[in-house]
Amino acid sequence: MTVTIVGAQLGDEGKGGVVDLYGDTADVVARYQGGDNAGHTVVHDGEEYKLSLVPSGAVRGKVGVLGNGCVVNPETLFEEIDALRERGLDPDVRVAERAHVILPYHRALDGIEEEEKDDLAAGTTGRGIGPTYEDKAGRRGVRIGDLLDPDALRDRLEYVVPQKKALAEKVFEKETGEAFDIDHLYDTYREFGERLAEEGMIVDCGSFLQERIDADESVMLEGAQGTSIDIDHGIYPYVTSSNPTAGGATVGTGLGPTVVGQGEVIGIIKAYLSRVGTGPLPTELGGVEGQTPDYDSAEASADEEELATYIRDEGGEYGTVTGRPRRVGWLDMPMLRHAARANGFTGLAINHIDVLAGLDEVKVGHSYEFDTAEQSSASNQNASRSDDDDELLTMPPTTEQWGRCEATFKTFDGWEDVDWAAVAEEGYDAIPENARTYLEYVSDELETPIYAVGVGPGREETVIVETPDE
């Protein structure tokens, strides 16, 4: 069977921890999209591991696969593998032969283009993810399989590098170096290809995973980022360059949609909202300079700023890869209803309810009020509405429309800070009553059962309600 793990919000929901939690029942953990911009933290035997490319399950001795939907920086991959080996682990990582390779010129152009985009910047990590996906779609990419074929690699580089060099020098008027040097790139990436081959890491992803399923093994499919930054279903253009949604699991691994659809699809939710990058955020608390649109710290509400800082610090809301402060806000139910429809969740894992402990009240953006002044009546009918025509229950299809939405809030009584480790041991009924009311509201609104509740950063600090394969 398969279990697909999907972020239900804007990334940073704690997917790695859930993969780690349910990983004991999986034989293989496969990433199906994204690259080394997907920072995740795993705690194992009291040790914290910060990873950006190696699948989370590899820390626990599972076979980790980077699917064909991923973009792979071999330098990052081997740095992480070598670092894990130095700490006494022996990760078994396989890489799809059809996955695309991030090259140095992708990283260079990523930084250049982000500067030029200005207010359309998507908060990129500068790791070359977007430019690599652009080359994939433009049929000028280099794939992992090409690293094993000297003639193919040379041909690919001789075709694409002059284009990239001209773009950097003539369009953006930037100096170029060895990142755009064909001979240097050829020698470096041939060595990466040789190491991948010597260590037996390259696989035909779809066939490899299907063979494991046919042998009655369990395969977990791990998405990076979150539904609302999916390139098709997210807040375009403030999105990633691939499909974190459950549909990406089939395209990004080579498994058939009926195979993935017969398994579980678990939506991962943070009990509040966070993200890095620009764009609208109707439930935002306070703001972050350079990210929150039209943010003026001098005019910001002192109470909201204090609350935002408290949640950010309690929740460690700083990017795993970049260290940048994340924007934070209350839970956004229209966003989650959109995610539930787009992914077909069979279960939910809700994390970080401990972060909100001690607050007098906790709010949820239950719906939106939509400013129709600049919008035609025809286009207003695109998003689901309640019986009240002024109430929007799900995200509208364009980011411009989303930016004209104001959240309408439900308020819940807060819950006390307790011994969360003891709660994890005792089970769901030990969660404070007000927190359970909050959780059950989310479950009811999404018509999806709760499988797990995260009450701390460690794997053991999770209340397991249901195990996917039971």
Protein backbone atom coordinates (compact mmCIF):
# COMPACT_ATOMS: atom_id res chain seq x y z
CA MET A 1 0.00 0.00 0.00
CA THR A 2 0.96 3.66 -0.19
CA VAL A 3 0.65 6.48 2.32
CA THR A 4 1.01 9.98 0.87
CA ILE A 5 2.04 12.85 3.13
CA VAL A 6 0.90 16.29 1.93
CA GLY A 7 1.31 19.75 3.41
CA ALA A 8 -2.13 21.36 3.70
CA GLN A 9 -0.96 24.97 4.00
CA LEU A 10 2.07 26.96 2.87
CA GLY A 11 4.83 24.54 3.84
CA ASP A 12 6.53 24.19 7.25
CA GLU A 13 3.61 22.15 8.64
CA GLY A 14 5.86 19.45 10.15
CA LYS A 15 5.67 16.86 7.37
CA GLY A 16 9.09 15.44 8.18
CA GLY A 17 8.00 14.64 11.72
CA VAL A 18 4.89 12.84 10.49
CA VAL A 19 6.93 10.84 7.98
CA ASP A 20 9.24 10.00 10.86
CA LEU A 21 6.28 9.08 13.07
CA TYR A 22 4.67 6.65 10.64
CA GLY A 23 7.96 5.60 9.07
CA ASP A 24 8.28 2.44 11.16
CA THR A 25 5.48 0.83 9.18
CA ALA A 26 6.97 1.90 5.83
CA ASP A 27 9.68 0.02 3.98
CA VAL A 28 10.39 2.81 1.48
CA VAL A 29 10.01 6.60 1.75
CA ALA A 30 9.97 8.46 -1.59
CA ARG A 31 10.10 12.21 -2.19
CA TYR A 32 8.00 13.06 -5.24
CA GLN A 33 8.83 16.74 -5.92
CA GLY A 34 10.96 19.67 -4.84
CA GLY A 35 14.67 19.90 -4.21
CA ASP A 36 17.08 21.03 -1.53
CA ASN A 37 14.88 24.01 -0.71
CA ALA A 38 12.65 21.67 1.32
CA GLY A 39 14.10 21.96 4.78
CA HIS A 40 12.82 19.51 7.37
CA THR A 41 13.95 18.58 10.85
CA VAL A 42 13.83 15.04 12.25
CA VAL A 43 14.50 14.13 15.89
CA HIS A 44 15.76 10.55 16.36
CA ASP A 45 17.06 9.09 19.65
CA GLY A 46 17.37 12.60 21.03
CA GLU A 47 19.47 13.72 18.06
CA GLU A 48 18.24 16.48 15.73
CA TYR A 49 18.89 16.12 12.01
CA LYS A 50 18.31 19.04 9.66
CA LEU A 51 17.86 17.80 6.10
CA SER A 52 17.00 19.53 2.86
CA LEU A 53 17.16 16.72 0.31
CA VAL A 54 17.59 13.27 1.84
CA PRO A 55 14.10 11.80 2.52
CA SER A 56 13.18 11.92 6.21
CA GLY A 57 12.77 8.15 6.54
CA ALA A 58 16.41 7.52 5.66
CA VAL A 59 17.36 8.67 9.17
CA ARG A 60 15.48 5.62 10.50
CA GLY A 61 17.10 3.11 8.21
CA LYS A 62 14.37 3.09 5.55
CA VAL A 63 15.12 3.12 1.84
CA GLY A 64 14.86 6.74 0.72
CA VAL A 65 14.04 7.56 -2.90
CA LEU A 66 14.24 10.87 -4.73
CA GLY A 67 11.59 10.50 -7.42
CA ASN A 68 11.61 11.70 -11.00
CA GLY A 69 9.54 14.73 -9.96
CA CYS A 70 12.43 16.00 -7.82
CA VAL A 71 15.25 18.27 -8.90
CA VAL A 72 18.52 17.06 -7.41
CA ASN A 73 21.68 18.92 -6.51
CA PRO A 74 24.26 16.09 -6.30
CA GLU A 75 26.60 18.25 -4.23
CA THR A 76 23.93 18.77 -1.55
CA LEU A 77 22.91 15.12 -1.70
CA PHE A 78 26.41 13.81 -1.03
CA GLU A 79 27.09 16.45 1.63
CA GLU A 80 24.02 15.30 3.55
CA ILE A 81 24.79 11.61 3.09
CA ASP A 82 28.40 12.09 4.20
CA ALA A 83 27.29 14.15 7.22
CA LEU A 84 24.83 11.43 8.28
CA ARG A 85 27.56 8.79 7.92
CA GLU A 86 29.86 10.85 10.11
CA ARG A 87 27.15 10.73 12.79
CA GLY A 88 27.00 6.96 12.64
CA LEU A 89 24.09 6.48 10.22
CA ASP A 90 24.19 4.64 6.91
CA PRO A 91 21.38 6.09 4.77
CA ASP A 92 20.19 4.03 1.82
CA VAL A 93 19.24 6.65 -0.77
CA ARG A 94 18.18 6.00 -4.37
CA VAL A 95 17.75 8.59 -7.10
CA ALA A 96 15.42 8.40 -10.08
CA GLU A 97 17.26 8.29 -13.37
CA ARG A 98 14.60 10.62 -14.80
CA ALA A 99 15.06 13.28 -12.08
CA HIS A 100 16.55 16.57 -13.26
CA VAL A 101 19.89 17.93 -12.07
CA ILE A 102 20.40 21.33 -10.47
CA LEU A 103 23.57 22.83 -11.92
CA PRO A 104 25.57 25.84 -10.70
CA TYR A 105 24.18 28.12 -13.40
CA HIS A 106 20.67 27.41 -12.12
CA ARG A 107 21.65 28.67 -8.68
CA ALA A 108 23.37 31.74 -10.12
CA LEU A 109 20.39 32.66 -12.28
CA ASP A 110 17.97 32.02 -9.40
CA GLY A 111 19.60 34.77 -7.37
CA ILE A 112 19.80 37.16 -10.32
CA GLU A 113 16.17 36.70 -11.33
CA GLU A 114 14.89 37.02 -7.76
CA GLU A 115 16.52 40.45 -7.56
CA GLU A 116 14.94 41.49 -10.84
CA LYS A 117 11.42 40.27 -9.94
CA ASP A 118 11.18 42.71 -7.05
CA ASP A 119 7.55 42.64 -5.81
CA LEU A 120 6.86 39.35 -7.61
CA ALA A 121 9.58 37.61 -5.62
CA ALA A 122 8.34 34.27 -4.28
CA GLY A 123 10.74 34.09 -1.35
CA THR A 124 13.06 31.66 -3.14
CA THR A 125 15.91 30.05 -1.24
CA GLY A 126 18.22 30.79 -4.20
CA ARG A 127 19.04 27.11 -4.67
CA GLY A 128 18.20 26.91 -8.36
CA ILE A 129 14.92 25.05 -7.99
CA GLY A 130 12.78 27.24 -10.26
CA PRO A 131 15.33 27.59 -13.08
CA THR A 132 15.85 23.81 -13.10
CA TYR A 133 12.12 23.18 -13.45
CA GLU A 134 12.03 25.83 -16.19
CA ASP A 135 14.70 23.93 -18.13
CA LYS A 136 12.81 20.68 -17.56
CA ALA A 137 9.66 22.18 -19.11
CA GLY A 138 11.75 23.78 -21.87
CA ARG A 139 13.32 20.40 -22.77
CA ARG A 140 16.83 21.67 -22.19
CA GLY A 141 17.44 20.04 -18.80
CA VAL A 142 20.13 17.61 -17.69
CA ARG A 143 18.79 14.45 -16.03
CA ILE A 144 20.47 12.13 -13.55
CA GLY A 145 20.75 9.48 -16.27
CA ASP A 146 22.77 11.91 -18.40
CA LEU A 147 25.50 11.99 -15.74
CA LEU A 148 26.23 8.34 -16.58
CA ASP A 149 26.56 8.98 -20.32
CA PRO A 150 29.60 11.16 -21.18
CA ASP A 151 28.44 11.92 -24.72
CA ALA A 152 24.91 12.82 -23.68
CA LEU A 153 26.17 15.02 -20.84
CA ARG A 154 28.56 16.87 -23.14
CA ASP A 155 25.83 17.40 -25.74
CA ARG A 156 23.37 18.72 -23.17
CA LEU A 157 25.87 21.16 -21.70
CA GLU A 158 27.08 22.43 -25.06
CA TYR A 159 23.49 23.17 -26.01
CA VAL A 160 22.26 24.87 -22.84
CA VAL A 161 25.27 26.59 -21.24
CA PRO A 162 25.81 29.19 -24.00
CA GLN A 163 22.15 30.18 -23.62
CA LYS A 164 22.51 30.60 -19.88
CA LYS A 165 25.76 32.51 -20.22
CA ALA A 166 24.18 34.90 -22.73
CA LEU A 167 21.19 35.40 -20.44
CA ALA A 168 23.39 36.30 -17.49
CA GLU A 169 25.80 38.52 -19.41
CA LYS A 170 23.67 40.19 -22.07
CA VAL A 171 20.23 40.40 -20.47
CA PHE A 172 21.11 40.84 -16.79
CA GLU A 173 24.59 42.32 -17.41
CA LYS A 174 26.24 40.07 -14.83
CA GLU A 175 29.72 38.60 -14.85
CA THR A 176 29.96 34.82 -15.19
CA GLY A 177 32.54 32.34 -13.97
CA GLU A 178 32.99 28.59 -13.67
CA ALA A 179 29.26 28.13 -13.04
CA PHE A 180 28.90 28.75 -16.79
CA ASP A 181 32.06 26.92 -17.92
CA ILE A 182 31.23 23.80 -19.96
CA ASP A 183 34.49 21.94 -19.28
CA HIS A 184 34.31 22.57 -15.52
CA LEU A 185 30.68 21.47 -15.37
CA TYR A 186 31.36 18.38 -17.46
CA ASP A 187 34.26 17.20 -15.28
CA THR A 188 32.46 17.92 -12.01
CA TYR A 189 29.16 16.27 -12.91
CA ARG A 190 30.76 13.25 -14.55
CA GLU A 191 32.37 12.59 -11.15
CA PHE A 192 28.99 12.87 -9.45
CA GLY A 193 27.59 10.40 -11.98
CA GLU A 194 30.39 7.96 -11.30
CA ARG A 195 29.76 8.10 -7.56
CA LEU A 196 26.01 7.60 -8.01
CA ALA A 197 26.74 4.54 -10.15
CA GLU A 198 29.43 3.13 -7.85
CA GLU A 199 27.12 3.33 -4.84
CA GLY A 200 24.21 1.75 -6.73
CA MET A 201 21.96 4.74 -6.11
CA ILE A 202 20.25 5.17 -9.49
CA VAL A 203 16.87 3.54 -10.14
CA ASP A 204 13.97 3.54 -12.57
CA CYS A 205 11.68 5.05 -9.93
CA GLY A 206 8.25 3.82 -11.01
CA SER A 207 9.43 0.27 -11.59
CA PHE A 208 11.44 0.22 -8.37
CA LEU A 209 8.49 1.38 -6.24
CA GLN A 210 5.93 -0.86 -7.97
CA GLU A 211 8.14 -3.90 -7.42
CA ARG A 212 8.25 -3.10 -3.70
CA ILE A 213 4.47 -2.71 -3.58
CA ASP A 214 3.99 -5.97 -5.47
CA ALA A 215 6.18 -7.61 -2.82
CA ASP A 216 3.65 -6.41 -0.16
CA GLU A 217 5.95 -3.70 1.12
CA SER A 218 4.64 -0.33 2.29
CA VAL A 219 5.67 2.81 0.41
CA MET A 220 5.35 6.27 1.90
CA LEU A 221 5.25 9.18 -0.56
CA GLU A 222 6.57 12.44 0.87
CA GLY A 223 5.71 15.85 -0.53
CA ALA A 224 7.70 19.01 0.07
CA GLN A 225 6.26 22.50 0.66
CA GLY A 226 2.45 22.78 0.85
CA THR A 227 -0.78 22.86 -1.15
CA SER A 228 -1.12 26.64 -1.26
CA ILE A 229 2.26 27.03 -2.92
CA ASP A 230 1.53 24.35 -5.53
CA ILE A 231 2.28 25.84 -8.95
CA ASP A 232 -1.23 24.97 -10.22
CA HIS A 233 -3.35 25.13 -7.08
CA GLY A 234 -1.47 27.70 -5.02
CA ILE A 235 -1.22 31.47 -4.69
CA TYR A 236 0.49 32.06 -8.03
CA PRO A 237 3.04 33.62 -8.58
CA TYR A 238 4.09 33.23 -4.91
CA VAL A 239 4.49 29.50 -5.40
CA THR A 240 7.05 26.75 -5.76
CA SER A 241 7.82 25.27 -9.19
CA SER A 242 6.21 21.85 -8.80
CA ASN A 243 3.12 20.06 -7.46
CA PRO A 244 3.18 19.29 -3.70
CA THR A 245 -0.46 18.17 -3.95
CA ALA A 246 -1.36 14.48 -3.92
CA GLY A 247 -1.62 14.38 -7.71
CA GLY A 248 2.10 15.15 -7.81
CA ALA A 249 2.76 11.88 -6.01
CA THR A 250 1.80 9.82 -9.04
CA VAL A 251 3.47 12.06 -11.64
CA GLY A 252 6.59 12.48 -9.50
CA THR A 253 7.18 8.78 -8.86
CA GLY A 254 5.84 6.90 -11.87
CA LEU A 255 3.22 5.06 -9.83
CA GLY A 256 -0.25 4.97 -11.35
CA PRO A 257 -3.00 7.22 -9.96
CA THR A 258 -5.05 4.16 -9.04
CA VAL A 259 -2.14 2.88 -6.94
CA VAL A 260 -1.80 6.16 -5.03
CA GLY A 261 -5.57 6.61 -4.85
CA GLN A 262 -6.10 3.25 -3.17
CA GLY A 263 -3.82 4.28 -0.31
CA GLU A 264 -4.03 6.89 2.41
CA VAL A 265 -3.54 10.63 1.84
CA ILE A 266 -2.70 12.39 5.10
CA GLY A 267 -2.97 16.17 5.25
CA ILE A 268 -0.47 17.82 7.58
CA ILE A 269 -1.72 20.95 9.31
CA LYS A 270 0.01 23.37 11.64
CA ALA A 271 -2.39 24.59 14.35
CA TYR A 272 -1.73 28.13 13.17
CA LEU A 273 -0.33 29.50 9.90
CA SER A 274 3.22 30.32 8.88
CA ARG A 275 5.15 31.02 5.74
CA VAL A 276 8.25 32.70 4.28
CA GLY A 277 7.81 35.05 1.35
CA THR A 278 5.59 37.80 0.02
CA GLY A 279 1.94 37.79 -1.02
CA PRO A 280 -1.42 38.09 0.76
CA LEU A 281 -2.10 36.38 4.09
CA PRO A 282 -5.60 37.25 5.37
CA THR A 283 -5.13 35.84 8.90
CA GLU A 284 -1.64 37.30 9.44
CA LEU A 285 -0.63 38.58 12.87
CA GLY A 286 1.81 41.47 12.86
CA GLY A 287 4.19 41.41 9.91
CA VAL A 288 7.73 40.78 8.70
CA GLU A 289 9.74 43.55 7.09
CA GLY A 290 10.37 42.85 3.41
CA GLN A 291 7.77 40.09 3.24
CA THR A 292 4.40 41.39 4.42
CA PRO A 293 2.89 43.58 1.66
CA ASP A 294 2.56 47.28 2.62
CA TYR A 295 3.93 46.53 6.08
CA ASP A 296 4.71 49.58 8.21
CA SER A 297 6.20 48.65 11.57
CA ALA A 298 5.44 52.11 12.95
CA GLU A 299 1.72 51.65 12.32
CA ALA A 300 1.51 47.98 13.32
CA SER A 301 -0.62 46.96 16.28
CA ALA A 302 1.59 46.46 19.32
CA ASP A 303 -0.64 43.66 20.61
CA GLU A 304 -0.53 41.77 17.30
CA GLU A 305 3.23 42.25 17.02
CA GLU A 306 3.73 40.88 20.51
CA LEU A 307 1.49 37.90 19.82
CA ALA A 308 3.18 37.19 16.47
CA THR A 309 6.62 37.31 18.10
CA TYR A 310 5.46 34.98 20.88
CA ILE A 311 4.13 32.38 18.42
CA ARG A 312 7.19 32.71 16.19
CA ASP A 313 9.58 32.17 19.08
CA GLU A 314 7.57 29.40 20.75
CA GLY A 315 7.16 27.59 17.45
CA GLY A 316 10.69 28.18 16.17
CA GLU A 317 9.26 29.88 13.09
CA TYR A 318 12.48 30.53 11.26
CA GLY A 319 13.35 28.86 7.95
CA THR A 320 15.29 25.58 8.29
CA VAL A 321 17.32 26.36 5.17
CA THR A 322 17.56 30.17 5.25
CA GLY A 323 17.02 31.14 8.89
CA ARG A 324 14.57 33.84 7.79
CA PRO A 325 11.70 34.71 10.15
CA ARG A 326 8.40 33.28 8.98
CA ARG A 327 5.21 35.27 8.82
CA VAL A 328 2.63 33.88 11.25
CA GLY A 329 -1.14 34.05 11.51
CA TRP A 330 -4.21 32.28 12.78
CA LEU A 331 -5.40 29.08 11.15
CA ASP A 332 -7.08 29.72 7.78
CA MET A 333 -10.04 27.39 7.17
CA PRO A 334 -10.79 28.47 3.57
CA MET A 335 -7.21 27.48 2.77
CA LEU A 336 -7.70 24.09 4.43
CA ARG A 337 -11.03 23.44 2.69
CA HIS A 338 -9.27 24.11 -0.61
CA ALA A 339 -6.49 21.70 0.35
CA ALA A 340 -8.92 18.98 1.42
CA ARG A 341 -10.70 19.12 -1.94
CA ALA A 342 -7.53 19.28 -4.04
CA ASN A 343 -5.88 16.34 -2.24
CA GLY A 344 -8.72 14.11 -1.08
CA PHE A 345 -7.42 13.71 2.46
CA THR A 346 -8.28 10.48 4.23
CA GLY A 347 -6.78 11.64 7.53
CA LEU A 348 -5.27 14.67 9.27
CA ALA A 349 -2.18 15.21 11.40
CA ILE A 350 -2.41 18.50 13.31
CA ASN A 351 0.85 19.79 14.78
CA HIS A 352 1.98 22.44 17.27
CA ILE A 353 -1.08 22.77 19.47
CA ASP A 354 1.41 23.11 22.33
CA VAL A 355 2.74 26.35 20.81
CA LEU A 356 -0.64 28.02 21.34
CA ALA A 357 -0.95 26.85 24.96
CA GLY A 358 -1.26 29.58 27.54
CA LEU A 359 -3.09 32.06 25.29
CA ASP A 360 -6.36 33.46 26.65
CA GLU A 361 -8.04 32.86 23.31
CA VAL A 362 -7.23 31.30 19.98
CA LYS A 363 -8.79 32.48 16.74
CA VAL A 364 -9.48 30.78 13.43
CA GLY A 365 -10.19 32.42 10.09
CA HIS A 366 -13.47 30.57 9.44
CA SER A 367 -14.35 32.27 6.16
CA TYR A 368 -13.63 35.34 4.04
CA GLU A 369 -15.47 38.50 3.25
CA PHE A 370 -14.71 39.41 -0.34
CA ASP A 371 -14.36 42.97 -1.64
CA THR A 372 -16.47 42.88 -4.80
CA ALA A 373 -16.02 46.53 -5.70
CA GLU A 374 -13.47 45.82 -8.42
CA GLN A 375 -14.68 42.38 -9.41
CA SER A 376 -17.31 41.38 -11.98
CA SER A 377 -20.26 39.31 -10.77
CA ALA A 378 -19.30 36.49 -13.15
CA SER A 379 -15.83 35.97 -11.75
CA ASN A 380 -17.14 36.20 -8.19
CA GLN A 381 -18.93 32.89 -8.67
CA ASN A 382 -15.69 30.91 -8.98
CA ALA A 383 -15.14 30.26 -5.26
CA SER A 384 -17.48 28.23 -3.05
CA ARG A 385 -19.83 30.31 -0.94
CA SER A 386 -22.05 29.69 2.04
CA ASP A 387 -25.76 30.53 2.11
CA ASP A 388 -24.66 34.06 2.89
CA ASP A 389 -23.54 35.43 -0.49
CA ASP A 390 -20.96 37.64 1.20
CA GLU A 391 -19.18 34.71 2.87
CA LEU A 392 -16.46 32.80 1.01
CA LEU A 393 -15.69 29.35 2.42
CA THR A 394 -12.72 28.48 0.24
CA MET A 395 -9.85 30.29 -1.47
CA PRO A 396 -10.68 32.15 -4.68
CA PRO A 397 -8.75 31.01 -7.77
CA THR A 398 -6.46 34.03 -8.22
CA THR A 399 -4.05 35.60 -5.78
CA GLU A 400 -5.37 39.05 -6.67
CA GLN A 401 -8.83 37.96 -5.54
CA TRP A 402 -7.35 36.38 -2.42
CA GLY A 403 -5.68 39.69 -1.61
CA ARG A 404 -9.11 41.33 -1.50
CA CYS A 405 -10.37 38.85 1.08
CA GLU A 406 -10.70 39.69 4.76
CA ALA A 407 -10.89 36.86 7.24
CA THR A 408 -13.92 36.48 9.50
CA PHE A 409 -12.90 34.82 12.73
CA LYS A 410 -14.23 32.28 15.19
CA THR A 411 -12.82 32.58 18.69
CA PHE A 412 -12.02 29.61 20.93
CA ASP A 413 -11.14 29.62 24.60
CA GLY A 414 -7.44 29.03 25.09
CA TRP A 415 -5.96 25.99 26.80
CA GLU A 416 -3.43 25.64 29.56
CA ASP A 417 0.19 24.66 29.15
CA VAL A 418 0.56 21.10 30.46
CA ASP A 419 3.09 18.28 30.56
CA TRP A 420 2.82 17.49 26.87
CA ALA A 421 5.09 14.44 27.10
CA ALA A 422 2.61 12.96 29.57
CA VAL A 423 -0.26 13.84 27.24
CA ALA A 424 1.47 11.97 24.40
CA GLU A 425 1.77 8.90 26.60
CA GLU A 426 -1.80 9.02 27.90
CA GLY A 427 -3.51 9.64 24.55
CA TYR A 428 -6.08 11.88 22.93
CA ASP A 429 -8.37 12.24 25.95
CA ALA A 430 -5.47 13.76 27.92
CA ILE A 431 -5.32 16.76 25.57
CA PRO A 432 -6.87 19.78 27.33
CA GLU A 433 -10.60 19.98 26.62
CA ASN A 434 -10.45 23.39 24.93
CA ALA A 435 -7.71 22.16 22.61
CA ARG A 436 -9.82 19.11 21.72
CA THR A 437 -12.72 21.43 20.90
CA TYR A 438 -10.39 23.33 18.55
CA LEU A 439 -9.11 20.13 16.91
CA GLU A 440 -12.57 18.67 16.46
CA TYR A 441 -13.77 21.88 14.82
CA VAL A 442 -11.06 21.46 12.18
CA SER A 443 -11.89 17.81 11.66
CA ASP A 444 -15.61 18.53 11.34
CA GLU A 445 -15.11 21.38 8.89
CA LEU A 446 -12.90 19.20 6.64
CA GLU A 447 -15.03 16.08 7.17
CA THR A 448 -11.81 14.17 7.77
CA PRO A 449 -10.72 12.20 10.86
CA ILE A 450 -7.70 13.14 12.94
CA TYR A 451 -4.91 10.55 12.75
CA ALA A 452 -2.32 12.30 14.93
CA VAL A 453 -1.78 15.42 17.04
CA GLY A 454 1.68 16.89 17.47
CA VAL A 455 2.34 18.25 20.97
CA GLY A 456 6.11 18.79 20.74
CA PRO A 457 9.10 18.51 18.39
CA GLY A 458 10.07 14.91 19.16
CA ARG A 459 8.59 11.83 17.56
CA GLU A 460 7.48 10.61 20.98
CA GLU A 461 5.64 13.91 21.57
CA THR A 462 2.78 12.94 19.29
CA VAL A 463 -0.65 11.65 20.17
CA ILE A 464 -1.36 8.80 17.77
CA VAL A 465 -5.07 8.39 17.16
CA GLU A 466 -4.91 6.07 14.18
CA THR A 467 -2.16 4.33 12.20
CA PRO A 468 -2.68 4.49 8.42
CA ASP A 469 -2.19 0.81 7.69
CA GLU A 470 -4.62 -0.42 10.36
